Amino acid sequence: MSNQSKKIGIEVKLDEKNIPESIEWSATDLQGYDKASCRAMILALWDHKNKDTLRLDLWTKDMTIDEMKIFFHQTLKSMADTLENSTNDERISGDMRDFCDYFAEKMEIVE
């Protein structure tokens, strides 16, 4: 078994009302950066014991509605890719991509 490991860190700075003002993340292989900043994040972790997904969704005060629409669209597209890569189910992944196209049209963010 390999002794190799990677470390990912997330730091969220909050205002006096506990609303995120900034989100910074770091990783041991984040090439060329000590930290990177972002305006939103979605973290999903699978709890195999309880067969449940644990989620942490955060966005800063500076995240615009238009950015959030694009962020969700891109996240959904990447989830379709991950689903296909992990299950080899091209049919349902294709259905997800079709939904992503519909989502982009309804949110008026068509690429």
Protein backbone atom coordinates (compact mmCIF):
# COMPACT_ATOMS: atom_id res chain seq x y z
CA MET A 1 0.00 0.00 0.00
CA SER A 2 1.26 3.46 -0.88
CA ASN A 3 2.16 5.95 1.84
CA GLN A 4 1.47 8.82 -0.51
CA SER A 5 -1.07 11.43 0.59
CA LYS A 6 -2.36 14.84 -0.43
CA LYS A 7 -3.75 17.58 1.76
CA ILE A 8 -6.56 19.97 0.84
CA GLY A 9 -7.44 22.89 3.10
CA ILE A 10 -10.30 25.38 3.06
CA GLU A 11 -10.38 28.65 5.00
CA VAL A 12 -13.59 30.68 5.19
CA LYS A 13 -13.49 34.20 6.61
CA LEU A 14 -16.83 35.30 8.05
CA ASP A 15 -18.35 38.66 8.87
CA GLU A 16 -20.01 39.46 12.19
CA LYS A 17 -23.21 37.69 11.00
CA ASN A 18 -21.29 34.52 10.02
CA ILE A 19 -21.71 35.23 6.31
CA PRO A 20 -18.69 34.24 4.22
CA GLU A 21 -16.59 37.19 3.08
CA SER A 22 -13.87 35.12 1.45
CA ILE A 23 -13.09 31.50 0.68
CA GLU A 24 -9.52 30.37 0.16
CA TRP A 25 -8.35 26.87 -0.54
CA SER A 26 -5.02 25.18 -0.76
CA ALA A 27 -3.73 21.81 -1.85
CA THR A 28 -0.34 20.17 -1.64
CA ASP A 29 -0.22 19.98 -5.44
CA LEU A 30 -1.75 23.38 -6.25
CA GLN A 31 0.96 24.28 -8.71
CA GLY A 32 2.27 27.83 -8.51
CA TYR A 33 0.03 28.92 -5.61
CA ASP A 34 0.08 28.86 -1.85
CA LYS A 35 -3.66 29.51 -1.79
CA ALA A 36 -6.39 30.15 -4.33
CA SER A 37 -9.53 32.14 -3.72
CA CYS A 38 -13.04 31.47 -4.92
CA ARG A 39 -16.50 32.94 -4.45
CA ALA A 40 -18.43 29.70 -4.09
CA MET A 41 -17.95 26.05 -3.31
CA ILE A 42 -19.95 22.86 -3.16
CA LEU A 43 -18.40 20.06 -1.16
CA ALA A 44 -20.14 16.67 -1.11
CA LEU A 45 -18.84 13.74 0.92
CA TRP A 46 -20.23 10.21 0.84
CA ASP A 47 -20.87 8.62 4.25
CA HIS A 48 -20.77 4.93 3.33
CA LYS A 49 -21.87 3.76 6.77
CA ASN A 50 -25.14 5.72 6.70
CA LYS A 51 -25.49 5.70 2.88
CA ASP A 52 -25.89 9.46 2.99
CA THR A 53 -24.32 12.50 1.36
CA LEU A 54 -22.89 15.20 3.59
CA ARG A 55 -22.79 18.61 1.93
CA LEU A 56 -21.27 21.99 2.54
CA ASP A 57 -22.41 24.77 0.20
CA LEU A 58 -20.89 28.20 0.70
CA TRP A 59 -20.75 31.41 -1.29
CA THR A 60 -19.42 34.84 -0.50
CA LYS A 61 -21.25 38.16 -0.42
CA ASP A 62 -19.49 39.04 -3.69
CA MET A 63 -20.91 36.08 -5.63
CA THR A 64 -23.39 37.46 -8.15
CA ILE A 65 -26.59 35.75 -9.22
CA ASP A 66 -25.28 35.46 -12.78
CA GLU A 67 -22.08 33.83 -11.51
CA MET A 68 -24.12 31.43 -9.39
CA LYS A 69 -26.16 30.36 -12.42
CA ILE A 70 -22.98 29.65 -14.38
CA PHE A 71 -21.40 27.90 -11.37
CA PHE A 72 -24.38 25.57 -11.03
CA HIS A 73 -24.47 24.86 -14.76
CA GLN A 74 -20.78 23.98 -14.86
CA THR A 75 -21.08 21.89 -11.70
CA LEU A 76 -23.99 19.91 -13.15
CA LYS A 77 -22.03 19.32 -16.37
CA SER A 78 -19.02 18.08 -14.43
CA MET A 79 -21.28 15.79 -12.37
CA ALA A 80 -22.54 14.23 -15.61
CA ASP A 81 -18.91 13.60 -16.64
CA THR A 82 -18.10 12.09 -13.24
CA LEU A 83 -21.18 9.87 -13.39
CA GLU A 84 -20.17 8.56 -16.80
CA ASN A 85 -16.54 8.02 -15.78
CA SER A 86 -17.50 6.18 -12.59
CA THR A 87 -20.39 4.05 -13.90
CA ASN A 88 -19.80 3.82 -17.67
CA ASP A 89 -23.50 4.64 -18.09
CA GLU A 90 -23.53 6.80 -21.20
CA ARG A 91 -27.34 6.85 -21.40
CA ILE A 92 -28.08 8.46 -18.05
CA SER A 93 -25.04 10.74 -18.33
CA GLY A 94 -26.37 11.87 -21.70
CA ASP A 95 -29.74 12.54 -20.08
CA MET A 96 -27.99 14.67 -17.47
CA ARG A 97 -26.20 16.63 -20.19
CA ASP A 98 -29.55 17.18 -21.93
CA PHE A 99 -30.86 18.57 -18.64
CA CYS A 100 -27.79 20.82 -18.41
CA ASP A 101 -28.64 22.23 -21.85
CA TYR A 102 -32.23 22.81 -20.69
CA PHE A 103 -30.98 24.40 -17.45
CA ALA A 104 -28.66 26.76 -19.37
CA GLU A 105 -31.48 27.80 -21.67
CA LYS A 106 -33.92 28.45 -18.80
CA MET A 107 -31.27 30.36 -16.82
CA GLU A 108 -30.39 32.31 -19.98
CA ILE A 109 -26.72 31.32 -19.85
CA VAL A 110 -26.59 29.39 -23.12
CA GLU A 111 -22.96 28.97 -24.14
